[in-house]
């Protein structure tokens, strides 16, 4: 089953690369597609794992849209900056 999550802070392919890599490490996820332009993550897998997926996205700095504000939002942006950089660096290592 597939579901889509609208998230904050996706800016580039580095962000998308980190999201795809980390989410596909979850047993309940079979594939992930990130639409940078729309800020959405499409997950193919067990819908029962949606909360786990959202928690992982949040820990990476890409919380579900509308779920953070204030300091939590600023913290998420900082985490996403690091995740983005890691994703970009990982792309150059292939």
C-alpha atoms as a PDB file:
ATOM      1  CA  UNK A   1       0.000   0.000   0.000  1.00  0.00           C
ATOM      2  CA  UNK A   2       1.223   3.511  -0.756  1.00  0.00           C
ATOM      3  CA  UNK A   3       0.723   6.718   1.170  1.00  0.00           C
ATOM      4  CA  UNK A   4       2.014  10.262   0.858  1.00  0.00           C
ATOM      5  CA  UNK A   5       3.332  12.566   3.568  1.00  0.00           C
ATOM      6  CA  UNK A   6       3.774  16.311   3.099  1.00  0.00           C
ATOM      7  CA  UNK A   7       6.931  17.392   4.939  1.00  0.00           C
ATOM      8  CA  UNK A   8       8.827  20.570   5.720  1.00  0.00           C
ATOM      9  CA  UNK A   9      12.407  21.532   4.810  1.00  0.00           C
ATOM     10  CA  UNK A  10      13.006  19.498   1.620  1.00  0.00           C
ATOM     11  CA  UNK A  11      15.185  21.720  -0.533  1.00  0.00           C
ATOM     12  CA  UNK A  12      17.189  19.589  -2.946  1.00  0.00           C
ATOM     13  CA  UNK A  13      18.312  16.218  -4.185  1.00  0.00           C
ATOM     14  CA  UNK A  14      20.612  15.844  -1.181  1.00  0.00           C
ATOM     15  CA  UNK A  15      17.601  16.053   1.118  1.00  0.00           C
ATOM     16  CA  UNK A  16      15.739  13.554  -1.062  1.00  0.00           C
ATOM     17  CA  UNK A  17      18.722  11.192  -1.094  1.00  0.00           C
ATOM     18  CA  UNK A  18      18.931  11.133   2.688  1.00  0.00           C
ATOM     19  CA  UNK A  19      15.190  10.536   3.021  1.00  0.00           C
ATOM     20  CA  UNK A  20      15.168   7.684   0.499  1.00  0.00           C
ATOM     21  CA  UNK A  21      18.239   6.026   2.007  1.00  0.00           C
ATOM     22  CA  UNK A  22      17.035   6.182   5.599  1.00  0.00           C
ATOM     23  CA  UNK A  23      13.391   5.262   5.001  1.00  0.00           C
ATOM     24  CA  UNK A  24      14.219   2.263   2.815  1.00  0.00           C
ATOM     25  CA  UNK A  25      16.254   0.894   5.741  1.00  0.00           C
ATOM     26  CA  UNK A  26      12.940   0.305   7.554  1.00  0.00           C
ATOM     27  CA  UNK A  27      11.582  -3.244   7.186  1.00  0.00           C
ATOM     28  CA  UNK A  28       8.025  -1.992   6.583  1.00  0.00           C
ATOM     29  CA  UNK A  29       9.049   0.243   3.646  1.00  0.00           C
ATOM     30  CA  UNK A  30       9.574  -1.218   0.175  1.00  0.00           C
ATOM     31  CA  UNK A  31      10.181   1.996  -1.796  1.00  0.00           C
ATOM     32  CA  UNK A  32      10.276   5.765  -1.378  1.00  0.00           C
ATOM     33  CA  UNK A  33       9.836   8.592  -3.858  1.00  0.00           C
ATOM     34  CA  UNK A  34      10.518  12.220  -2.896  1.00  0.00           C
ATOM     35  CA  UNK A  35       9.023  15.133  -4.811  1.00  0.00           C
ATOM     36  CA  UNK A  36      11.281  18.056  -3.905  1.00  0.00           C
ATOM     37  CA  UNK A  37       9.102  20.615  -5.686  1.00  0.00           C
ATOM     38  CA  UNK A  38       5.935  19.621  -3.820  1.00  0.00           C
ATOM     39  CA  UNK A  39       7.647  18.716  -0.534  1.00  0.00           C
ATOM     40  CA  UNK A  40       6.117  15.260  -0.452  1.00  0.00           C
ATOM     41  CA  UNK A  41       7.361  11.804   0.374  1.00  0.00           C
ATOM     42  CA  UNK A  42       5.516   8.866  -1.209  1.00  0.00           C
ATOM     43  CA  UNK A  43       6.040   5.644   0.695  1.00  0.00           C
ATOM     44  CA  UNK A  44       5.271   2.180  -0.597  1.00  0.00           C
ATOM     45  CA  UNK A  45       4.914  -0.291   2.236  1.00  0.00           C
ATOM     46  CA  UNK A  46       2.900  -1.114   5.303  1.00  0.00           C
ATOM     47  CA  UNK A  47       0.638   1.790   6.242  1.00  0.00           C
ATOM     48  CA  UNK A  48       0.773   0.586   9.844  1.00  0.00           C
ATOM     49  CA  UNK A  49       4.371   1.888   9.870  1.00  0.00           C
ATOM     50  CA  UNK A  50       3.300   5.450   8.976  1.00  0.00           C
ATOM     51  CA  UNK A  51       3.957   6.731  12.507  1.00  0.00           C
ATOM     52  CA  UNK A  52       7.425   5.149  12.497  1.00  0.00           C
ATOM     53  CA  UNK A  53       8.117   6.759   9.108  1.00  0.00           C
ATOM     54  CA  UNK A  54       6.934  10.177  10.361  1.00  0.00           C
ATOM     55  CA  UNK A  55       9.087   9.867  13.483  1.00  0.00           C
ATOM     56  CA  UNK A  56      12.162   9.029  11.413  1.00  0.00           C
ATOM     57  CA  UNK A  57      11.462  11.915   9.032  1.00  0.00           C
ATOM     58  CA  UNK A  58      11.147  14.249  12.020  1.00  0.00           C
ATOM     59  CA  UNK A  59      14.427  12.991  13.516  1.00  0.00           C
ATOM     60  CA  UNK A  60      16.120  13.749  10.177  1.00  0.00           C
ATOM     61  CA  UNK A  61      14.728  17.300  10.173  1.00  0.00           C
ATOM     62  CA  UNK A  62      11.814  16.723   7.787  1.00  0.00           C
ATOM     63  CA  UNK A  63       8.724  16.755  10.031  1.00  0.00           C
ATOM     64  CA  UNK A  64       5.251  16.264   8.659  1.00  0.00           C
ATOM     65  CA  UNK A  65       3.945  19.692   7.635  1.00  0.00           C
ATOM     66  CA  UNK A  66       2.064  21.462  10.385  1.00  0.00           C
ATOM     67  CA  UNK A  67       3.430  19.340  13.237  1.00  0.00           C
ATOM     68  CA  UNK A  68       6.179  21.643  14.500  1.00  0.00           C
ATOM     69  CA  UNK A  69       6.451  25.304  15.402  1.00  0.00           C
ATOM     70  CA  UNK A  70       8.742  27.685  17.254  1.00  0.00           C
ATOM     71  CA  UNK A  71      11.942  26.161  18.599  1.00  0.00           C
ATOM     72  CA  UNK A  72      11.007  22.683  17.352  1.00  0.00           C
ATOM     73  CA  UNK A  73      10.676  24.073  13.837  1.00  0.00           C
ATOM     74  CA  UNK A  74      14.062  25.813  14.059  1.00  0.00           C
ATOM     75  CA  UNK A  75      15.629  22.595  15.343  1.00  0.00           C
ATOM     76  CA  UNK A  76      14.096  20.651  12.452  1.00  0.00           C
ATOM     77  CA  UNK A  77      15.524  23.148   9.942  1.00  0.00           C
ATOM     78  CA  UNK A  78      18.994  22.753  11.481  1.00  0.00           C
ATOM     79  CA  UNK A  79      18.749  18.948  11.352  1.00  0.00           C
ATOM     80  CA  UNK A  80      17.554  19.065   7.741  1.00  0.00           C
ATOM     81  CA  UNK A  81      20.584  21.184   6.826  1.00  0.00           C
ATOM     82  CA  UNK A  82      22.872  18.444   8.162  1.00  0.00           C
ATOM     83  CA  UNK A  83      20.810  15.673   6.498  1.00  0.00           C
ATOM     84  CA  UNK A  84      20.935  17.588   3.226  1.00  0.00           C
ATOM     85  CA  UNK A  85      24.718  17.928   3.416  1.00  0.00           C
ATOM     86  CA  UNK A  86      25.107  14.233   4.208  1.00  0.00           C
ATOM     87  CA  UNK A  87      22.824  13.355   1.284  1.00  0.00           C
ATOM     88  CA  UNK A  88      24.820  15.522  -1.095  1.00  0.00           C
ATOM     89  CA  UNK A  89      28.130  14.092   0.090  1.00  0.00           C
ATOM     90  CA  UNK A  90      26.768  10.542  -0.257  1.00  0.00           C
ATOM     91  CA  UNK A  91      25.795  11.249  -3.872  1.00  0.00           C
ATOM     92  CA  UNK A  92      29.400  12.051  -4.768  1.00  0.00           C
ATOM     93  CA  UNK A  93      30.709   8.802  -3.280  1.00  0.00           C
ATOM     94  CA  UNK A  94      28.930   6.482  -5.763  1.00  0.00           C
END
